[in-house]
């Protein structure tokens, strides 16, 4: 049975996308998103299955809490062309007048034409010196090289030229009274329609700006469906000196409330469980991610590595040994002695705990990270880690550079999009490598 979905957004237009992203372990709750017609707004959604098997949906964020009236989008008015109201002869006369105007404009008198040649040469020489070595010479003022008589002659010639030039020709000046009246009426109608459209646009824009910038396709659902989490991200712009920032929204689906966490660094939520524990990764636009965790014991997110020190020392020591890397990168630095940039080697010591996920009880935490610390030819491009956070399994490291896709299904054939939803049992794991080879195995968890 297909999920129901909204066919129009809050403006009455067709959405770009309506998605289903995560499902809980018993298949009765789904979270997804709707992206509005313009693509400017992404709204979290909740689908629920009733006892009779019927599905319904609602939005987790009210785009229009004040019930502002949003009329149907008006048609953007077509601009008015004055030529449509003129005869061909009038149009030809107008463009002839424009050509004459530009011809006269090109005849504008120049002050240099009224100067003594010797003083003009002195000025040009002074300006050339300034142009070639502005840090040594002041910018010359041509008025310092002109006599009062030369300046008066120039001013008189300029005033006469300006009077003869006149105003730039206006197309309406070449219309008859009837043509001008029809044109003015069309312009008035256009302006009225444009005002109506702009009022509608301003209403929509105000509603859009009030919605957090929820990241597209970023939603997580807890195993039992008690909590959902979404990331609202504002990307910075180095041209304006702004940095990335984010707000993590935790939706309590049982009480129909939400809370928000403002991390000290911009990050993206990757997991939530039924106790409201959140995992996240930062920074946003980098492959060398650091894993973070937010629990009830902390007001905000803390890095996963120091958190693990208090949870399980063995796991903490293993993470320090395997996730703290020292490697080298090349850069360029200005060398004043040689007057050029030279290549330098920078040694970097970095903790790369990766982008995290976990099972429903945080017994096992999985992370993945791109390899940027090992440049050997046989080194893997991608590393995945499974960390024993409690005494239920061993710590393992899986290199997955050759696996392009992994899917997990229950025995009913239902695909499980999140490892966090796994409960002890038997599952079907289907992998596809880079060459398109498919492997399917039954796994006991």
Protein backbone atom coordinates (compact mmCIF):
# COMPACT_ATOMS: atom_id res chain seq x y z
CA UNK A 1 0.00 0.00 0.00
CA UNK A 2 1.42 3.39 -0.98
CA UNK A 3 1.86 6.06 1.66
CA UNK A 4 -0.45 9.08 1.39
CA UNK A 5 1.28 12.35 0.63
CA UNK A 6 0.49 16.03 0.18
CA UNK A 7 -0.13 17.06 -3.41
CA UNK A 8 0.30 20.79 -2.72
CA UNK A 9 2.59 22.75 -0.43
CA UNK A 10 1.68 25.67 1.84
CA UNK A 11 1.45 27.96 -1.21
CA UNK A 12 -0.97 25.67 -3.04
CA UNK A 13 1.66 24.61 -5.58
CA UNK A 14 3.05 21.14 -6.32
CA UNK A 15 5.98 20.18 -4.04
CA UNK A 16 9.34 19.33 -5.56
CA UNK A 17 9.70 16.23 -3.37
CA UNK A 18 7.78 14.22 -0.81
CA UNK A 19 10.01 11.57 0.73
CA UNK A 20 9.96 8.71 3.23
CA UNK A 21 13.39 8.39 4.86
CA UNK A 22 13.28 6.20 7.99
CA UNK A 23 10.92 3.53 9.37
CA UNK A 24 10.68 2.17 12.91
CA UNK A 25 11.27 -1.49 13.74
CA UNK A 26 7.61 -2.61 13.70
CA UNK A 27 6.84 -0.74 10.48
CA UNK A 28 4.15 1.56 11.87
CA UNK A 29 5.97 4.91 11.88
CA UNK A 30 7.86 6.61 9.07
CA UNK A 31 9.55 9.99 8.93
CA UNK A 32 10.21 11.92 5.75
CA UNK A 33 10.17 15.39 4.28
CA UNK A 34 8.36 17.63 1.87
CA UNK A 35 10.30 20.16 -0.17
CA UNK A 36 8.13 23.03 -1.36
CA UNK A 37 7.59 24.13 -4.95
CA UNK A 38 10.38 26.69 -4.87
CA UNK A 39 12.91 24.37 -3.22
CA UNK A 40 13.49 26.96 -0.50
CA UNK A 41 11.74 25.10 2.32
CA UNK A 42 12.10 21.52 3.56
CA UNK A 43 9.50 20.42 6.10
CA UNK A 44 9.83 17.29 8.32
CA UNK A 45 6.92 14.85 8.04
CA UNK A 46 5.54 11.99 10.14
CA UNK A 47 3.58 9.04 8.71
CA UNK A 48 1.71 6.75 11.10
CA UNK A 49 -0.14 3.49 10.56
CA UNK A 50 -3.44 3.04 12.42
CA UNK A 51 -4.72 -0.25 13.88
CA UNK A 52 -6.91 -0.75 10.80
CA UNK A 53 -3.85 -0.53 8.56
CA UNK A 54 -4.62 2.95 7.23
CA UNK A 55 -1.71 5.38 6.93
CA UNK A 56 -1.92 9.10 7.60
CA UNK A 57 0.63 11.89 7.67
CA UNK A 58 1.24 15.22 9.33
CA UNK A 59 3.96 17.85 9.32
CA UNK A 60 6.32 18.06 12.27
CA UNK A 61 6.80 21.77 11.63
CA UNK A 62 3.95 24.24 11.13
CA UNK A 63 4.95 26.47 8.25
CA UNK A 64 1.96 28.78 8.77
CA UNK A 65 1.20 28.84 12.52
CA UNK A 66 -0.71 32.15 12.31
CA UNK A 67 -2.92 30.91 9.46
CA UNK A 68 -1.84 33.71 7.17
CA UNK A 69 -3.97 33.69 4.04
CA UNK A 70 -1.89 32.67 1.03
CA UNK A 71 -3.88 33.32 -2.15
CA UNK A 72 -3.36 31.36 -5.34
CA UNK A 73 -0.17 32.40 -7.07
CA UNK A 74 -1.06 35.22 -9.48
CA UNK A 75 0.37 35.24 -12.96
CA UNK A 76 3.45 37.43 -13.31
CA UNK A 77 2.39 40.31 -15.59
CA UNK A 78 3.87 40.69 -19.03
CA UNK A 79 5.84 43.90 -19.43
CA UNK A 80 4.42 46.69 -21.58
CA UNK A 81 6.29 47.61 -24.77
CA UNK A 82 5.71 51.19 -25.91
CA UNK A 83 6.39 50.26 -29.53
CA UNK A 84 3.20 48.18 -29.54
CA UNK A 85 1.25 51.45 -29.36
CA UNK A 86 3.14 53.32 -32.11
CA UNK A 87 3.16 53.33 -35.91
CA UNK A 88 6.25 52.21 -37.79
CA UNK A 89 6.90 55.83 -38.84
CA UNK A 90 6.79 57.03 -35.23
CA UNK A 91 9.20 54.27 -34.16
CA UNK A 92 11.59 55.21 -36.98
CA UNK A 93 11.44 58.90 -35.97
CA UNK A 94 12.18 57.98 -32.37
CA UNK A 95 15.31 55.93 -33.19
CA UNK A 96 16.52 58.67 -35.55
CA UNK A 97 16.25 61.14 -32.68
CA UNK A 98 18.20 58.76 -30.43
CA UNK A 99 20.95 58.42 -33.03
CA UNK A 100 21.15 62.21 -33.37
CA UNK A 101 21.36 62.53 -29.59
CA UNK A 102 24.34 60.16 -29.40
CA UNK A 103 26.04 61.92 -32.31
CA UNK A 104 25.74 65.25 -30.50
CA UNK A 105 26.86 63.64 -27.26
CA UNK A 106 30.08 62.49 -28.93
CA UNK A 107 30.83 66.16 -29.80
CA UNK A 108 31.20 67.13 -26.16
CA UNK A 109 34.03 69.72 -25.85
CA UNK A 110 37.12 68.63 -23.93
CA UNK A 111 39.10 70.92 -21.63
CA UNK A 112 42.34 69.77 -23.25
CA UNK A 113 41.24 71.37 -26.54
CA UNK A 114 41.36 74.84 -24.90
CA UNK A 115 44.75 74.46 -23.19
CA UNK A 116 48.14 75.78 -24.19
CA UNK A 117 50.01 72.85 -25.84
CA UNK A 118 53.03 73.28 -23.61
CA UNK A 119 51.03 73.14 -20.37
CA UNK A 120 48.99 70.23 -21.74
CA UNK A 121 52.24 68.34 -22.33
CA UNK A 122 53.33 69.11 -18.75
CA UNK A 123 50.03 67.73 -17.43
CA UNK A 124 50.25 64.56 -19.53
CA UNK A 125 53.80 63.95 -18.34
CA UNK A 126 52.78 64.40 -14.69
CA UNK A 127 49.87 62.01 -15.15
CA UNK A 128 52.07 59.40 -16.82
CA UNK A 129 54.48 59.56 -13.86
CA UNK A 130 51.56 59.05 -11.48
CA UNK A 131 50.19 56.15 -13.56
CA UNK A 132 53.52 54.35 -13.65
CA UNK A 133 54.50 54.99 -10.01
CA UNK A 134 51.45 56.10 -8.04
CA UNK A 135 53.24 55.45 -4.75
CA UNK A 136 55.85 58.11 -5.62
CA UNK A 137 53.88 60.80 -7.46
CA UNK A 138 50.63 62.59 -6.55
CA UNK A 139 47.71 62.47 -8.97
CA UNK A 140 47.81 65.76 -10.94
CA UNK A 141 44.75 68.04 -11.18
CA UNK A 142 44.24 69.30 -14.73
CA UNK A 143 42.75 72.55 -13.39
CA UNK A 144 46.21 73.47 -12.08
CA UNK A 145 47.44 73.64 -15.69
CA UNK A 146 44.59 75.80 -17.08
CA UNK A 147 44.40 79.62 -17.15
CA UNK A 148 41.22 81.47 -16.21
CA UNK A 149 40.69 82.51 -19.83
CA UNK A 150 41.02 78.91 -21.07
CA UNK A 151 38.63 77.68 -18.40
CA UNK A 152 36.06 80.40 -19.28
CA UNK A 153 36.21 79.52 -22.97
CA UNK A 154 35.73 75.85 -22.18
CA UNK A 155 32.76 76.54 -19.85
CA UNK A 156 31.04 78.64 -22.52
CA UNK A 157 31.52 75.95 -25.17
CA UNK A 158 30.27 73.26 -22.80
CA UNK A 159 27.14 75.26 -21.88
CA UNK A 160 26.29 75.77 -25.56
CA UNK A 161 26.84 72.07 -26.31
CA UNK A 162 24.71 71.04 -23.33
CA UNK A 163 21.86 73.30 -24.50
CA UNK A 164 22.01 71.89 -28.02
CA UNK A 165 22.16 68.31 -26.72
CA UNK A 166 18.88 68.63 -24.84
CA UNK A 167 17.02 65.81 -23.07
CA UNK A 168 17.31 62.18 -24.06
CA UNK A 169 14.42 61.37 -26.43
CA UNK A 170 11.40 59.72 -24.80
CA UNK A 171 9.34 57.27 -26.83
CA UNK A 172 6.08 58.68 -25.47
CA UNK A 173 6.95 62.06 -27.05
CA UNK A 174 6.43 60.50 -30.47
CA UNK A 175 2.94 59.12 -29.67
CA UNK A 176 -0.40 60.69 -30.49
CA UNK A 177 -2.72 61.59 -27.61
CA UNK A 178 -4.82 58.46 -28.18
CA UNK A 179 -1.74 56.25 -28.36
CA UNK A 180 -0.35 57.78 -25.16
CA UNK A 181 -3.66 57.28 -23.34
CA UNK A 182 -3.78 53.58 -24.33
CA UNK A 183 -0.14 53.11 -23.34
CA UNK A 184 -0.65 54.79 -19.93
CA UNK A 185 -3.68 52.57 -19.26
CA UNK A 186 -1.64 49.45 -20.08
CA UNK A 187 1.19 50.59 -17.79
CA UNK A 188 -1.27 51.23 -14.95
CA UNK A 189 -2.75 47.73 -15.38
CA UNK A 190 0.75 46.22 -15.41
CA UNK A 191 1.74 48.06 -12.22
CA UNK A 192 -1.45 46.91 -10.49
CA UNK A 193 -0.82 43.28 -11.42
CA UNK A 194 2.83 43.57 -10.41
CA UNK A 195 1.84 44.92 -7.01
CA UNK A 196 -0.54 41.98 -6.54
CA UNK A 197 2.21 39.53 -7.46
CA UNK A 198 4.77 41.21 -5.21
CA UNK A 199 2.34 41.14 -2.27
CA UNK A 200 1.86 37.40 -2.80
CA UNK A 201 5.62 36.90 -3.13
CA UNK A 202 6.30 38.86 0.07
CA UNK A 203 3.75 36.73 1.96
CA UNK A 204 5.32 33.49 0.77
CA UNK A 205 8.86 34.72 1.45
CA UNK A 206 7.97 35.74 5.01
CA UNK A 207 6.61 32.24 5.70
CA UNK A 208 9.66 30.62 4.12
CA UNK A 209 12.12 32.67 6.18
CA UNK A 210 10.40 31.61 9.41
CA UNK A 211 11.08 27.90 8.73
CA UNK A 212 14.43 26.47 9.91
CA UNK A 213 16.75 25.45 7.09
CA UNK A 214 16.17 21.73 7.51
CA UNK A 215 18.77 19.72 5.61
CA UNK A 216 17.30 17.78 2.71
CA UNK A 217 17.17 14.00 3.33
CA UNK A 218 18.49 14.39 6.87
CA UNK A 219 16.08 12.72 9.31
CA UNK A 220 16.54 9.88 11.77
CA UNK A 221 13.95 7.85 13.66
CA UNK A 222 14.40 5.83 16.83
CA UNK A 223 13.79 2.09 16.76
CA UNK A 224 10.38 2.22 18.49
CA UNK A 225 9.44 5.52 16.92
CA UNK A 226 9.51 7.62 20.08
CA UNK A 227 11.89 10.26 18.73
CA UNK A 228 12.89 11.78 15.42
CA UNK A 229 15.78 14.13 14.82
CA UNK A 230 16.50 16.61 12.01
CA UNK A 231 19.30 19.07 11.31
CA UNK A 232 18.74 22.69 10.32
CA UNK A 233 21.89 24.00 8.67
CA UNK A 234 22.98 27.45 7.58
CA UNK A 235 26.00 27.24 5.33
CA UNK A 236 28.56 30.03 5.65
CA UNK A 237 30.18 32.05 2.90
CA UNK A 238 33.89 32.80 3.07
CA UNK A 239 33.39 35.87 0.90
CA UNK A 240 31.33 37.44 3.69
CA UNK A 241 33.30 35.92 6.54
CA UNK A 242 30.40 33.80 7.79
CA UNK A 243 30.77 30.23 9.08
CA UNK A 244 28.54 27.17 8.97
CA UNK A 245 26.08 26.82 11.83
CA UNK A 246 23.42 24.28 12.73
CA UNK A 247 20.53 23.60 15.07
CA UNK A 248 19.53 20.03 15.90
CA UNK A 249 15.78 19.51 16.40
CA UNK A 250 14.70 16.60 18.58
CA UNK A 251 11.03 15.70 18.03
CA UNK A 252 9.31 13.81 20.86
CA UNK A 253 6.70 11.94 18.83
CA UNK A 254 4.88 10.61 21.90
CA UNK A 255 4.19 14.05 23.34
CA UNK A 256 4.11 15.92 20.01
CA UNK A 257 6.71 18.43 21.20
CA UNK A 258 10.21 19.31 20.15
CA UNK A 259 13.39 20.73 21.62
CA UNK A 260 16.39 22.22 19.90
CA UNK A 261 20.09 22.01 20.57
CA UNK A 262 22.53 24.60 19.26
CA UNK A 263 25.95 22.91 19.00
CA UNK A 264 29.13 24.92 19.40
CA UNK A 265 30.26 23.60 16.00
CA UNK A 266 28.11 23.01 12.93
CA UNK A 267 27.11 19.35 12.69
CA UNK A 268 24.57 17.00 11.17
CA UNK A 269 22.52 14.49 13.19
CA UNK A 270 22.99 10.87 12.12
CA UNK A 271 21.11 8.84 14.79
CA UNK A 272 18.58 8.99 17.61
CA UNK A 273 17.33 6.30 19.97
CA UNK A 274 14.23 5.92 22.13
CA UNK A 275 15.92 7.65 25.08
CA UNK A 276 16.53 10.73 23.00
CA UNK A 277 20.27 10.12 22.65
CA UNK A 278 21.58 11.74 19.46
CA UNK A 279 24.69 11.01 17.43
CA UNK A 280 26.05 13.58 14.97
CA UNK A 281 29.05 14.33 12.78
CA UNK A 282 31.07 17.50 12.17
CA UNK A 283 32.27 19.40 10.24
CA UNK A 284 29.62 19.55 7.54
CA UNK A 285 31.69 19.83 4.37
CA UNK A 286 34.59 17.53 5.14
CA UNK A 287 35.46 13.86 4.92
CA UNK A 288 37.52 13.88 8.14
CA UNK A 289 34.45 13.87 10.40
CA UNK A 290 34.41 13.83 14.17
CA UNK A 291 31.64 11.86 15.88
CA UNK A 292 29.58 13.58 18.62
CA UNK A 293 26.97 12.37 21.10
CA UNK A 294 24.22 14.14 23.04
CA UNK A 295 22.70 12.41 26.08
CA UNK A 296 20.50 13.53 28.95
CA UNK A 297 23.65 13.90 31.06
CA UNK A 298 24.95 16.67 28.78
CA UNK A 299 23.39 20.00 27.89
CA UNK A 300 25.02 19.82 24.48
CA UNK A 301 27.03 17.54 22.23
CA UNK A 302 30.38 16.14 23.32
CA UNK A 303 32.93 14.32 21.22
CA UNK A 304 32.45 10.56 21.11
CA UNK A 305 36.09 9.78 21.98
CA UNK A 306 36.23 11.46 25.45
CA UNK A 307 32.65 10.31 26.11
CA UNK A 308 33.80 6.72 25.58
CA UNK A 309 36.47 7.10 28.25
CA UNK A 310 33.75 7.15 30.93
CA UNK A 311 31.65 4.45 29.27
CA UNK A 312 34.17 1.75 28.45
CA UNK A 313 37.91 2.26 28.85
CA UNK A 314 38.79 -0.64 26.53
CA UNK A 315 36.82 0.93 23.68
CA UNK A 316 38.32 4.34 24.43
CA UNK A 317 41.87 2.99 24.26
CA UNK A 318 41.10 1.17 21.01
CA UNK A 319 39.65 4.33 19.47
CA UNK A 320 42.71 6.35 20.46
CA UNK A 321 44.96 3.77 18.86
CA UNK A 322 42.96 3.44 15.63
CA UNK A 323 41.26 6.81 15.15
CA UNK A 324 44.01 9.29 16.01
CA UNK A 325 46.19 9.74 12.96
CA UNK A 326 49.42 11.55 12.16
CA UNK A 327 49.94 12.29 8.48
CA UNK A 328 51.53 14.86 6.20
CA UNK A 329 50.08 17.29 3.70
CA UNK A 330 51.77 19.66 1.26
CA UNK A 331 51.09 23.39 1.12
CA UNK A 332 52.63 26.51 -0.38
CA UNK A 333 54.30 29.29 1.63
CA UNK A 334 55.81 32.60 0.54
CA UNK A 335 59.61 32.69 0.79
CA UNK A 336 60.87 36.28 0.83
CA UNK A 337 64.46 35.25 0.23
CA UNK A 338 63.72 33.70 -3.15
CA UNK A 339 60.77 35.97 -3.94
CA UNK A 340 58.44 33.11 -4.72
CA UNK A 341 56.17 30.49 -3.16
CA UNK A 342 57.74 27.20 -2.15
CA UNK A 343 56.23 23.84 -1.33
CA UNK A 344 56.26 22.89 2.36
CA UNK A 345 55.22 19.78 4.27
CA UNK A 346 52.81 20.09 7.17
CA UNK A 347 52.50 17.36 9.80
CA UNK A 348 48.94 16.96 11.06
CA UNK A 349 47.77 15.07 14.14
CA UNK A 350 44.02 14.58 13.89
CA UNK A 351 41.26 12.57 15.52
CA UNK A 352 38.94 11.15 12.85
CA UNK A 353 36.17 9.20 14.54
CA UNK A 354 33.92 9.41 11.49
CA UNK A 355 30.19 9.72 10.93
CA UNK A 356 28.39 7.65 13.61
CA UNK A 357 25.37 5.37 13.88
CA UNK A 358 24.41 2.70 16.43
CA UNK A 359 21.99 -0.05 17.33
CA UNK A 360 18.89 0.80 19.33
CA UNK A 361 20.55 0.43 22.75
CA UNK A 362 23.93 1.93 21.91
CA UNK A 363 25.54 -1.46 22.48
CA UNK A 364 27.40 -1.18 19.20
CA UNK A 365 28.42 2.13 17.63
CA UNK A 366 29.35 2.12 13.97
CA UNK A 367 31.23 4.90 12.23
CA UNK A 368 32.72 5.41 8.80
CA UNK A 369 35.39 7.76 7.53
CA UNK A 370 37.27 8.45 4.33
CA UNK A 371 40.93 7.51 4.49
CA UNK A 372 43.10 10.62 4.31
CA UNK A 373 45.96 9.40 6.49
CA UNK A 374 47.31 6.44 4.53
CA UNK A 375 48.51 7.08 0.99
CA UNK A 376 49.88 3.61 0.25
CA UNK A 377 48.69 2.19 -3.06
CA UNK A 378 46.93 -0.74 -1.39
CA UNK A 379 45.30 1.44 1.27
CA UNK A 380 41.52 1.42 1.46
CA UNK A 381 39.55 4.52 0.49
CA UNK A 382 36.86 4.06 3.14
CA UNK A 383 37.05 2.67 6.65
CA UNK A 384 34.08 1.49 8.71
CA UNK A 385 34.36 0.74 12.40
CA UNK A 386 32.10 -1.19 14.78
CA UNK A 387 32.83 -0.28 18.38
CA UNK A 388 31.76 -2.37 21.35
CA UNK A 389 30.32 0.26 23.66
CA UNK A 390 29.13 -2.40 26.09
CA UNK A 391 30.14 -5.99 26.81
CA UNK A 392 28.08 -7.63 24.08
CA UNK A 393 30.45 -7.97 21.14
CA UNK A 394 34.02 -7.44 19.98
CA UNK A 395 35.55 -4.39 18.38
CA UNK A 396 36.11 -4.74 14.66
CA UNK A 397 37.28 -2.69 11.73
CA UNK A 398 35.88 -3.23 8.25
CA UNK A 399 37.53 -1.83 5.13
CA UNK A 400 34.84 -1.21 2.53
CA UNK A 401 36.43 0.57 -0.39
CA UNK A 402 35.15 -2.02 -2.88
CA UNK A 403 31.55 -2.23 -1.61
CA UNK A 404 29.32 0.33 -3.29
CA UNK A 405 26.02 -0.56 -1.57
CA UNK A 406 24.85 -2.47 1.50
CA UNK A 407 21.20 -3.27 2.27
CA UNK A 408 19.71 -5.09 5.27
CA UNK A 409 16.34 -6.90 5.14
CA UNK A 410 14.28 -8.69 7.75
CA UNK A 411 12.95 -12.19 7.06
CA UNK A 412 9.74 -10.69 5.67
CA UNK A 413 11.77 -9.01 2.92
CA UNK A 414 11.33 -5.51 4.32
CA UNK A 415 14.39 -3.30 3.84
CA UNK A 416 15.71 -1.70 7.04
CA UNK A 417 17.30 1.67 6.25
CA UNK A 418 19.02 2.17 9.61
CA UNK A 419 21.30 -0.11 11.57
CA UNK A 420 19.92 1.48 14.74
CA UNK A 421 16.62 -0.39 14.24
CA UNK A 422 18.22 -3.82 14.53
CA UNK A 423 17.12 -6.03 17.39
CA UNK A 424 18.56 -9.48 18.06
CA UNK A 425 17.48 -11.86 15.32
CA UNK A 426 18.26 -13.10 11.82
CA UNK A 427 18.68 -10.71 8.89
CA UNK A 428 19.48 -10.83 5.19
CA UNK A 429 22.47 -8.69 4.16
CA UNK A 430 22.79 -7.83 0.48
CA UNK A 431 25.97 -6.19 -0.83
CA UNK A 432 26.91 -4.89 -4.27
CA UNK A 433 30.55 -4.27 -5.13
CA UNK A 434 31.97 -1.69 -7.53
CA UNK A 435 31.76 -4.18 -10.39
CA UNK A 436 28.06 -4.82 -9.84
CA UNK A 437 28.51 -8.25 -8.25
CA UNK A 438 25.72 -9.05 -5.78
CA UNK A 439 26.23 -11.06 -2.61
CA UNK A 440 23.42 -12.10 -0.25
CA UNK A 441 23.98 -13.69 3.16
CA UNK A 442 21.83 -14.64 6.14
CA UNK A 443 23.32 -13.12 9.31
CA UNK A 444 22.44 -13.73 12.96
CA UNK A 445 22.67 -10.60 15.08
